Amino acid sequence: MPDEALSILHNSFPVKDIFRTLDAMSYVKMTMFHWHIVDSQSFPLVVTNYPELSEKGAYSQSMVYTPHDVQMVVSYAAAVSDKSIRYRDPLIS
């Protein structure tokens, strides 16, 4: 299965650009999107119960993704994909 990985750890992409990436993937039948959002060098994901992770782990507070951003991306991916979206959310609940 063709797939695409988007690493946002060192470069921040606005949500609208992620939508554009998902659109492009759907046009060429890429069926798996791997969103590499955290690692040991950067933590731009806002976790409601642990706000200090993104406060101290993101390169900038303007370069973070909120739970709402994540849900919008997952919903958009499901809307443009003909495959089911597997979404694992161990931290944001």
PDB file of N, CA and C in Angstrom:
ATOM      1  N   MET A   1       0.827  -1.183   0.000  1.00  0.00           N
ATOM      2  CA  MET A   1       0.000   0.000   0.000  1.00  0.00           C
ATOM      3  C   MET A   1       0.873   1.249   0.000  1.00  0.00           C
ATOM      4  N   PRO A   2       0.647   2.147  -0.902  1.00  0.00           N
ATOM      5  CA  PRO A   2       1.388   3.406  -0.861  1.00  0.00           C
ATOM      6  C   PRO A   2       0.989   4.208   0.368  1.00  0.00           C
ATOM      7  N   ASP A   3       1.954   4.892   0.928  1.00  0.00           N
ATOM      8  CA  ASP A   3       1.636   5.733   2.076  1.00  0.00           C
ATOM      9  C   ASP A   3       2.491   6.979   2.047  1.00  0.00           C
ATOM     10  N   GLU A   4       2.136   7.902   2.906  1.00  0.00           N
ATOM     11  CA  GLU A   4       2.845   9.167   2.999  1.00  0.00           C
ATOM     12  C   GLU A   4       3.088   9.459   4.463  1.00  0.00           C
ATOM     13  N   ALA A   5       4.294   9.860   4.785  1.00  0.00           N
ATOM     14  CA  ALA A   5       4.605  10.276   6.152  1.00  0.00           C
ATOM     15  C   ALA A   5       4.810  11.790   6.151  1.00  0.00           C
ATOM     16  N   LEU A   6       4.206  12.436   7.119  1.00  0.00           N
ATOM     17  CA  LEU A   6       4.365  13.873   7.270  1.00  0.00           C
ATOM     18  C   LEU A   6       4.960  14.115   8.643  1.00  0.00           C
ATOM     19  N   SER A   7       6.206  14.545   8.663  1.00  0.00           N
ATOM     20  CA  SER A   7       6.866  14.827   9.925  1.00  0.00           C
ATOM     21  C   SER A   7       6.797  16.319  10.188  1.00  0.00           C
ATOM     22  N   ILE A   8       6.133  16.675  11.270  1.00  0.00           N
ATOM     23  CA  ILE A   8       5.964  18.082  11.602  1.00  0.00           C
ATOM     24  C   ILE A   8       6.830  18.481  12.784  1.00  0.00           C
ATOM     25  N   LEU A   9       7.797  17.664  13.091  1.00  0.00           N
ATOM     26  CA  LEU A   9       8.590  17.877  14.296  1.00  0.00           C
ATOM     27  C   LEU A   9       9.486  19.102  14.201  1.00  0.00           C
ATOM     28  N   HIS A  10      10.085  19.342  13.068  1.00  0.00           N
ATOM     29  CA  HIS A  10      11.028  20.438  12.916  1.00  0.00           C
ATOM     30  C   HIS A  10      10.483  21.542  12.015  1.00  0.00           C
ATOM     31  N   ASN A  11       9.388  21.240  11.331  1.00  0.00           N
ATOM     32  CA  ASN A  11       8.731  22.214  10.468  1.00  0.00           C
ATOM     33  C   ASN A  11       7.250  22.187  10.784  1.00  0.00           C
ATOM     34  N   SER A  12       6.699  23.315  11.097  1.00  0.00           N
ATOM     35  CA  SER A  12       5.284  23.385  11.406  1.00  0.00           C
ATOM     36  C   SER A  12       4.494  23.600  10.121  1.00  0.00           C
ATOM     37  N   PHE A  13       3.429  22.838   9.955  1.00  0.00           N
ATOM     38  CA  PHE A  13       2.539  23.001   8.815  1.00  0.00           C
ATOM     39  C   PHE A  13       1.176  23.424   9.334  1.00  0.00           C
ATOM     40  N   PRO A  14       0.595  24.479   8.799  1.00  0.00           N
ATOM     41  CA  PRO A  14      -0.767  24.834   9.195  1.00  0.00           C
ATOM     42  C   PRO A  14      -1.727  23.685   8.850  1.00  0.00           C
ATOM     43  N   VAL A  15      -2.806  23.581   9.594  1.00  0.00           N
ATOM     44  CA  VAL A  15      -3.775  22.506   9.363  1.00  0.00           C
ATOM     45  C   VAL A  15      -4.275  22.538   7.918  1.00  0.00           C
ATOM     46  N   LYS A  16      -4.481  23.725   7.361  1.00  0.00           N
ATOM     47  CA  LYS A  16      -4.962  23.803   5.967  1.00  0.00           C
ATOM     48  C   LYS A  16      -3.959  23.170   4.996  1.00  0.00           C
ATOM     49  N   ASP A  17      -2.664  23.238   5.288  1.00  0.00           N
ATOM     50  CA  ASP A  17      -1.664  22.584   4.440  1.00  0.00           C
ATOM     51  C   ASP A  17      -1.709  21.067   4.603  1.00  0.00           C
ATOM     52  N   ILE A  18      -2.015  20.610   5.798  1.00  0.00           N
ATOM     53  CA  ILE A  18      -2.181  19.166   5.994  1.00  0.00           C
ATOM     54  C   ILE A  18      -3.392  18.683   5.203  1.00  0.00           C
ATOM     55  N   PHE A  19      -4.465  19.471   5.200  1.00  0.00           N
ATOM     56  CA  PHE A  19      -5.633  19.132   4.383  1.00  0.00           C
ATOM     57  C   PHE A  19      -5.237  19.027   2.910  1.00  0.00           C
ATOM     58  N   ARG A  20      -4.433  19.966   2.454  1.00  0.00           N
ATOM     59  CA  ARG A  20      -3.990  19.956   1.055  1.00  0.00           C
ATOM     60  C   ARG A  20      -3.169  18.708   0.753  1.00  0.00           C
ATOM     61  N   THR A  21      -2.328  18.287   1.713  1.00  0.00           N
ATOM     62  CA  THR A  21      -1.554  17.056   1.549  1.00  0.00           C
ATOM     63  C   THR A  21      -2.489  15.849   1.453  1.00  0.00           C
ATOM     64  N   LEU A  22      -3.497  15.809   2.304  1.00  0.00           N
ATOM     65  CA  LEU A  22      -4.465  14.707   2.261  1.00  0.00           C
ATOM     66  C   LEU A  22      -5.225  14.687   0.936  1.00  0.00           C
ATOM     67  N   ASP A  23      -5.580  15.864   0.429  1.00  0.00           N
ATOM     68  CA  ASP A  23      -6.231  15.932  -0.881  1.00  0.00           C
ATOM     69  C   ASP A  23      -5.334  15.345  -1.958  1.00  0.00           C
ATOM     70  N   ALA A  24      -4.085  15.760  -1.982  1.00  0.00           N
ATOM     71  CA  ALA A  24      -3.142  15.268  -2.992  1.00  0.00           C
ATOM     72  C   ALA A  24      -2.977  13.754  -2.884  1.00  0.00           C
ATOM     73  N   MET A  25      -2.909  13.260  -1.654  1.00  0.00           N
ATOM     74  CA  MET A  25      -2.791  11.812  -1.464  1.00  0.00           C
ATOM     75  C   MET A  25      -3.998  11.083  -2.044  1.00  0.00           C
ATOM     76  N   SER A  26      -5.182  11.626  -1.837  1.00  0.00           N
ATOM     77  CA  SER A  26      -6.383  10.955  -2.349  1.00  0.00           C
ATOM     78  C   SER A  26      -6.412  10.958  -3.876  1.00  0.00           C
ATOM     79  N   TYR A  27      -5.868  12.010  -4.500  1.00  0.00           N
ATOM     80  CA  TYR A  27      -5.856  12.087  -5.965  1.00  0.00           C
ATOM     81  C   TYR A  27      -5.001  10.991  -6.584  1.00  0.00           C
ATOM     82  N   VAL A  28      -3.939  10.594  -5.892  1.00  0.00           N
ATOM     83  CA  VAL A  28      -3.023   9.595  -6.446  1.00  0.00           C
ATOM     84  C   VAL A  28      -3.154   8.241  -5.740  1.00  0.00           C
ATOM     85  N   LYS A  29      -4.263   8.049  -5.047  1.00  0.00           N
ATOM     86  CA  LYS A  29      -4.614   6.774  -4.415  1.00  0.00           C
ATOM     87  C   LYS A  29      -3.657   6.332  -3.317  1.00  0.00           C
ATOM     88  N   MET A  30      -3.034   7.290  -2.638  1.00  0.00           N
ATOM     89  CA  MET A  30      -2.225   6.941  -1.466  1.00  0.00           C
ATOM     90  C   MET A  30      -3.206   6.712  -0.320  1.00  0.00           C
ATOM     91  N   THR A  31      -3.084   5.590   0.342  1.00  0.00           N
ATOM     92  CA  THR A  31      -4.138   5.177   1.267  1.00  0.00           C
ATOM     93  C   THR A  31      -3.744   5.221   2.733  1.00  0.00           C
ATOM     94  N   MET A  32      -2.498   5.521   3.035  1.00  0.00           N
ATOM     95  CA  MET A  32      -2.105   5.563   4.442  1.00  0.00           C
ATOM     96  C   MET A  32      -1.350   6.849   4.722  1.00  0.00           C
ATOM     97  N   PHE A  33      -1.777   7.529   5.764  1.00  0.00           N
ATOM     98  CA  PHE A  33      -1.151   8.779   6.175  1.00  0.00           C
ATOM     99  C   PHE A  33      -0.571   8.571   7.563  1.00  0.00           C
ATOM    100  N   HIS A  34       0.727   8.734   7.679  1.00  0.00           N
ATOM    101  CA  HIS A  34       1.405   8.613   8.968  1.00  0.00           C
ATOM    102  C   HIS A  34       1.797  10.014   9.395  1.00  0.00           C
ATOM    103  N   TRP A  35       1.171  10.488  10.447  1.00  0.00           N
ATOM    104  CA  TRP A  35       1.418  11.837  10.944  1.00  0.00           C
ATOM    105  C   TRP A  35       2.394  11.726  12.096  1.00  0.00           C
ATOM    106  N   HIS A  36       3.640  12.030  11.837  1.00  0.00           N
ATOM    107  CA  HIS A  36       4.697  11.951  12.849  1.00  0.00           C
ATOM    108  C   HIS A  36       4.678  13.262  13.616  1.00  0.00           C
ATOM    109  N   ILE A  37       4.000  13.251  14.753  1.00  0.00           N
ATOM    110  CA  ILE A  37       3.723  14.508  15.449  1.00  0.00           C
ATOM    111  C   ILE A  37       4.587  14.717  16.685  1.00  0.00           C
ATOM    112  N   VAL A  38       5.157  13.671  17.265  1.00  0.00           N
ATOM    113  CA  VAL A  38       6.011  13.833  18.450  1.00  0.00           C
ATOM    114  C   VAL A  38       7.206  12.888  18.371  1.00  0.00           C
ATOM    115  N   ASP A  39       8.305  13.315  18.984  1.00  0.00           N
ATOM    116  CA  ASP A  39       9.461  12.439  19.184  1.00  0.00           C
ATOM    117  C   ASP A  39      10.282  13.001  20.342  1.00  0.00           C
ATOM    118  N   SER A  40      11.480  12.509  20.516  1.00  0.00           N
ATOM    119  CA  SER A  40      12.282  12.940  21.664  1.00  0.00           C
ATOM    120  C   SER A  40      12.813  14.366  21.525  1.00  0.00           C
ATOM    121  N   GLN A  41      12.791  14.938  20.307  1.00  0.00           N
ATOM    122  CA  GLN A  41      13.329  16.275  20.098  1.00  0.00           C
ATOM    123  C   GLN A  41      12.261  17.368  20.074  1.00  0.00           C
ATOM    124  N   SER A  42      11.019  16.990  19.865  1.00  0.00           N
ATOM    125  CA  SER A  42       9.959  17.987  19.759  1.00  0.00           C
ATOM    126  C   SER A  42       8.636  17.363  20.187  1.00  0.00           C
ATOM    127  N   PHE A  43       7.817  18.152  20.864  1.00  0.00           N
ATOM    128  CA  PHE A  43       6.501  17.693  21.310  1.00  0.00           C
ATOM    129  C   PHE A  43       5.481  18.796  21.064  1.00  0.00           C
ATOM    130  N   PRO A  44       5.071  18.993  19.794  1.00  0.00           N
ATOM    131  CA  PRO A  44       4.145  20.074  19.477  1.00  0.00           C
ATOM    132  C   PRO A  44       2.670  19.721  19.670  1.00  0.00           C
ATOM    133  N   LEU A  45       2.388  18.564  20.246  1.00  0.00           N
ATOM    134  CA  LEU A  45       1.012  18.135  20.468  1.00  0.00           C
ATOM    135  C   LEU A  45       0.541  18.591  21.838  1.00  0.00           C
ATOM    136  N   VAL A  46      -0.543  19.349  21.880  1.00  0.00           N
ATOM    137  CA  VAL A  46      -1.117  19.803  23.146  1.00  0.00           C
ATOM    138  C   VAL A  46      -1.916  18.645  23.740  1.00  0.00           C
ATOM    139  N   VAL A  47      -1.534  18.232  24.932  1.00  0.00           N
ATOM    140  CA  VAL A  47      -2.248  17.191  25.660  1.00  0.00           C
ATOM    141  C   VAL A  47      -2.912  17.879  26.852  1.00  0.00           C
ATOM    142  N   THR A  48      -4.218  17.863  26.866  1.00  0.00           N
ATOM    143  CA  THR A  48      -4.982  18.628  27.846  1.00  0.00           C
ATOM    144  C   THR A  48      -4.552  18.336  29.278  1.00  0.00           C
ATOM    145  N   ASN A  49      -4.335  17.083  29.599  1.00  0.00           N
ATOM    146  CA  ASN A  49      -3.973  16.718  30.973  1.00  0.00           C
ATOM    147  C   ASN A  49      -2.510  16.997  31.303  1.00  0.00           C
ATOM    148  N   TYR A  50      -1.691  17.219  30.289  1.00  0.00           N
ATOM    149  CA  TYR A  50      -0.262  17.464  30.500  1.00  0.00           C
ATOM    150  C   TYR A  50       0.202  18.646  29.640  1.00  0.00           C
ATOM    151  N   PRO A  51      -0.270  19.850  29.917  1.00  0.00           N
ATOM    152  CA  PRO A  51       0.046  20.996  29.058  1.00  0.00           C
ATOM    153  C   PRO A  51       1.529  21.327  29.002  1.00  0.00           C
ATOM    154  N   GLU A  52       2.273  20.965  30.041  1.00  0.00           N
ATOM    155  CA  GLU A  52       3.699  21.295  30.044  1.00  0.00           C
ATOM    156  C   GLU A  52       4.477  20.541  28.952  1.00  0.00           C
ATOM    157  N   LEU A  53       3.935  19.436  28.448  1.00  0.00           N
ATOM    158  CA  LEU A  53       4.620  18.718  27.365  1.00  0.00           C
ATOM    159  C   LEU A  53       4.808  19.611  26.144  1.00  0.00           C
ATOM    160  N   SER A  54       3.738  20.248  25.705  1.00  0.00           N
ATOM    161  CA  SER A  54       3.863  21.122  24.530  1.00  0.00           C
ATOM    162  C   SER A  54       4.436  22.486  24.907  1.00  0.00           C
ATOM    163  N   GLU A  55       4.161  22.945  26.120  1.00  0.00           N
ATOM    164  CA  GLU A  55       4.716  24.235  26.540  1.00  0.00           C
ATOM    165  C   GLU A  55       6.231  24.216  26.528  1.00  0.00           C
ATOM    166  N   LYS A  56       6.813  23.133  26.962  1.00  0.00           N
ATOM    167  CA  LYS A  56       8.277  23.017  27.020  1.00  0.00           C
ATOM    168  C   LYS A  56       8.861  22.236  25.858  1.00  0.00           C
ATOM    169  N   GLY A  57       8.033  21.431  25.194  1.00  0.00           N
ATOM    170  CA  GLY A  57       8.545  20.552  24.153  1.00  0.00           C
ATOM    171  C   GLY A  57       8.432  21.071  22.742  1.00  0.00           C
ATOM    172  N   ALA A  58       7.528  22.015  22.506  1.00  0.00           N
ATOM    173  CA  ALA A  58       7.380  22.567  21.158  1.00  0.00           C
ATOM    174  C   ALA A  58       8.446  23.632  20.926  1.00  0.00           C
ATOM    175  N   TYR A  59       8.832  23.796  19.679  1.00  0.00           N
ATOM    176  CA  TYR A  59       9.811  24.837  19.359  1.00  0.00           C
ATOM    177  C   TYR A  59       9.256  26.224  19.624  1.00  0.00           C
ATOM    178  N   SER A  60       7.939  26.357  19.469  1.00  0.00           N
ATOM    179  CA  SER A  60       7.282  27.644  19.682  1.00  0.00           C
ATOM    180  C   SER A  60       5.817  27.361  20.007  1.00  0.00           C
ATOM    181  N   GLN A  61       5.202  28.230  20.784  1.00  0.00           N
ATOM    182  CA  GLN A  61       3.787  28.049  21.090  1.00  0.00           C
ATOM    183  C   GLN A  61       2.902  28.305  19.873  1.00  0.00           C
ATOM    184  N   SER A  62       3.454  28.927  18.841  1.00  0.00           N
ATOM    185  CA  SER A  62       2.696  29.106  17.605  1.00  0.00           C
ATOM    186  C   SER A  62       2.810  27.877  16.705  1.00  0.00           C
ATOM    187  N   MET A  63       3.607  26.898  17.125  1.00  0.00           N
ATOM    188  CA  MET A  63       3.839  25.692  16.336  1.00  0.00           C
ATOM    189  C   MET A  63       3.328  24.456  17.073  1.00  0.00           C
ATOM    190  N   VAL A  64       2.096  24.532  17.598  1.00  0.00           N
ATOM    191  CA  VAL A  64       1.515  23.398  18.314  1.00  0.00           C
ATOM    192  C   VAL A  64       0.214  22.974  17.646  1.00  0.00           C
ATOM    193  N   TYR A  65      -0.191  21.744  17.923  1.00  0.00           N
ATOM    194  CA  TYR A  65      -1.440  21.195  17.420  1.00  0.00           C
ATOM    195  C   TYR A  65      -2.318  20.843  18.608  1.00  0.00           C
ATOM    196  N   THR A  66      -3.517  21.390  18.621  1.00  0.00           N
ATOM    197  CA  THR A  66      -4.458  21.172  19.712  1.00  0.00           C
ATOM    198  C   THR A  66      -5.250  19.885  19.458  1.00  0.00           C
ATOM    199  N   PRO A  67      -5.926  19.377  20.489  1.00  0.00           N
ATOM    200  CA  PRO A  67      -6.796  18.219  20.256  1.00  0.00           C
ATOM    201  C   PRO A  67      -7.837  18.498  19.160  1.00  0.00           C
ATOM    202  N   HIS A  68      -8.321  19.735  19.099  1.00  0.00           N
ATOM    203  CA  HIS A  68      -9.273  20.095  18.040  1.00  0.00           C
ATOM    204  C   HIS A  68      -8.626  20.002  16.660  1.00  0.00           C
ATOM    205  N   ASP A  69      -7.381  20.470  16.525  1.00  0.00           N
ATOM    206  CA  ASP A  69      -6.660  20.352  15.247  1.00  0.00           C
ATOM    207  C   ASP A  69      -6.542  18.889  14.835  1.00  0.00           C
ATOM    208  N   VAL A  70      -6.173  18.037  15.781  1.00  0.00           N
ATOM    209  CA  VAL A  70      -6.002  16.610  15.490  1.00  0.00           C
ATOM    210  C   VAL A  70      -7.327  16.015  15.038  1.00  0.00           C
ATOM    211  N   GLN A  71      -8.406  16.323  15.736  1.00  0.00           N
ATOM    212  CA  GLN A  71      -9.711  15.788  15.359  1.00  0.00           C
ATOM    213  C   GLN A  71     -10.136  16.280  13.978  1.00  0.00           C
ATOM    214  N   MET A  72      -9.842  17.544  13.659  1.00  0.00           N
ATOM    215  CA  MET A  72     -10.170  18.068  12.328  1.00  0.00           C
ATOM    216  C   MET A  72      -9.401  17.319  11.245  1.00  0.00           C
ATOM    217  N   VAL A  73      -8.112  17.062  11.476  1.00  0.00           N
ATOM    218  CA  VAL A  73      -7.304  16.341  10.479  1.00  0.00           C
ATOM    219  C   VAL A  73      -7.822  14.917  10.309  1.00  0.00           C
ATOM    220  N   VAL A  74      -8.115  14.239  11.402  1.00  0.00           N
ATOM    221  CA  VAL A  74      -8.612  12.867  11.328  1.00  0.00           C
ATOM    222  C   VAL A  74      -9.962  12.829  10.607  1.00  0.00           C
ATOM    223  N   SER A  75     -10.846  13.754  10.920  1.00  0.00           N
ATOM    224  CA  SER A  75     -12.153  13.809  10.256  1.00  0.00           C
ATOM    225  C   SER A  75     -12.007  14.102   8.770  1.00  0.00           C
ATOM    226  N   TYR A  76     -11.122  15.025   8.442  1.00  0.00           N
ATOM    227  CA  TYR A  76     -10.902  15.370   7.040  1.00  0.00           C
ATOM    228  C   TYR A  76     -10.324  14.180   6.277  1.00  0.00           C
ATOM    229  N   ALA A  77      -9.359  13.503   6.894  1.00  0.00           N
ATOM    230  CA  ALA A  77      -8.760  12.326   6.255  1.00  0.00           C
ATOM    231  C   ALA A  77      -9.815  11.264   5.986  1.00  0.00           C
ATOM    232  N   ALA A  78     -10.716  11.064   6.941  1.00  0.00           N
ATOM    233  CA  ALA A  78     -11.784  10.077   6.754  1.00  0.00           C
ATOM    234  C   ALA A  78     -12.714  10.489   5.618  1.00  0.00           C
ATOM    235  N   ALA A  79     -12.951  11.787   5.486  1.00  0.00           N
ATOM    236  CA  ALA A  79     -13.858  12.280   4.451  1.00  0.00           C
ATOM    237  C   ALA A  79     -13.282  12.132   3.049  1.00  0.00           C
ATOM    238  N   VAL A  80     -11.967  12.284   2.892  1.00  0.00           N
ATOM    239  CA  VAL A  80     -11.369  12.217   1.558  1.00  0.00           C
ATOM    240  C   VAL A  80     -10.842  10.829   1.210  1.00  0.00           C
ATOM    241  N   SER A  81     -10.821   9.939   2.176  1.00  0.00           N
ATOM    242  CA  SER A  81     -10.290   8.595   1.946  1.00  0.00           C
ATOM    243  C   SER A  81     -11.422   7.606   1.728  1.00  0.00           C
ATOM    244  N   ASP A  82     -11.159   6.616   0.871  1.00  0.00           N
ATOM    245  CA  ASP A  82     -12.147   5.550   0.720  1.00  0.00           C
ATOM    246  C   ASP A  82     -11.820   4.381   1.655  1.00  0.00           C
ATOM    247  N   LYS A  83     -10.814   4.534   2.473  1.00  0.00           N
ATOM    248  CA  LYS A  83     -10.425   3.522   3.459  1.00  0.00           C
ATOM    249  C   LYS A  83     -10.829   4.010   4.842  1.00  0.00           C
ATOM    250  N   SER A  84     -10.999   3.098   5.739  1.00  0.00           N
ATOM    251  CA  SER A  84     -11.293   3.512   7.106  1.00  0.00           C
ATOM    252  C   SER A  84     -10.032   4.100   7.728  1.00  0.00           C
ATOM    253  N   ILE A  85     -10.216   5.042   8.617  1.00  0.00           N
ATOM    254  CA  ILE A  85      -9.106   5.703   9.285  1.00  0.00           C
ATOM    255  C   ILE A  85      -8.898   5.036  10.629  1.00  0.00           C
ATOM    256  N   ARG A  86      -7.692   4.565  10.861  1.00  0.00           N
ATOM    257  CA  ARG A  86      -7.360   4.021  12.164  1.00  0.00           C
ATOM    258  C   ARG A  86      -6.702   5.131  12.950  1.00  0.00           C
ATOM    259  N   TYR A  87      -7.299   5.471  14.047  1.00  0.00           N
ATOM    260  CA  TYR A  87      -6.826   6.603  14.832  1.00  0.00           C
ATOM    261  C   TYR A  87      -6.591   6.126  16.255  1.00  0.00           C
ATOM    262  N   ARG A  88      -5.384   6.221  16.706  1.00  0.00           N
ATOM    263  CA  ARG A  88      -5.029   5.820  18.059  1.00  0.00           C
ATOM    264  C   ARG A  88      -4.760   7.063  18.878  1.00  0.00           C
ATOM    265  N   ASP A  89      -5.436   7.183  19.965  1.00  0.00           N
ATOM    266  CA  ASP A  89      -5.360   8.400  20.764  1.00  0.00           C
ATOM    267  C   ASP A  89      -5.065   8.055  22.217  1.00  0.00           C
ATOM    268  N   PRO A  90      -3.830   7.678  22.526  1.00  0.00           N
ATOM    269  CA  PRO A  90      -3.527   7.253  23.893  1.00  0.00           C
ATOM    270  C   PRO A  90      -3.449   8.403  24.893  1.00  0.00           C
ATOM    271  N   LEU A  91      -3.178   9.612  24.435  1.00  0.00           N
ATOM    272  CA  LEU A  91      -2.985  10.725  25.354  1.00  0.00           C
ATOM    273  C   LEU A  91      -4.136  11.699  25.408  1.00  0.00           C
ATOM    274  N   ILE A  92      -4.805  11.902  24.286  1.00  0.00           N
ATOM    275  CA  ILE A  92      -5.843  12.919  24.225  1.00  0.00           C
ATOM    276  C   ILE A  92      -7.183  12.231  24.409  1.00  0.00           C
ATOM    277  N   SER A  93      -7.808  12.460  25.522  1.00  0.00           N
ATOM    278  CA  SER A  93      -9.143  11.905  25.755  1.00  0.00           C
ATOM    279  C   SER A  93      -9.907  12.784  26.706  1.00  0.00           C
TER     280      SER A  93
END
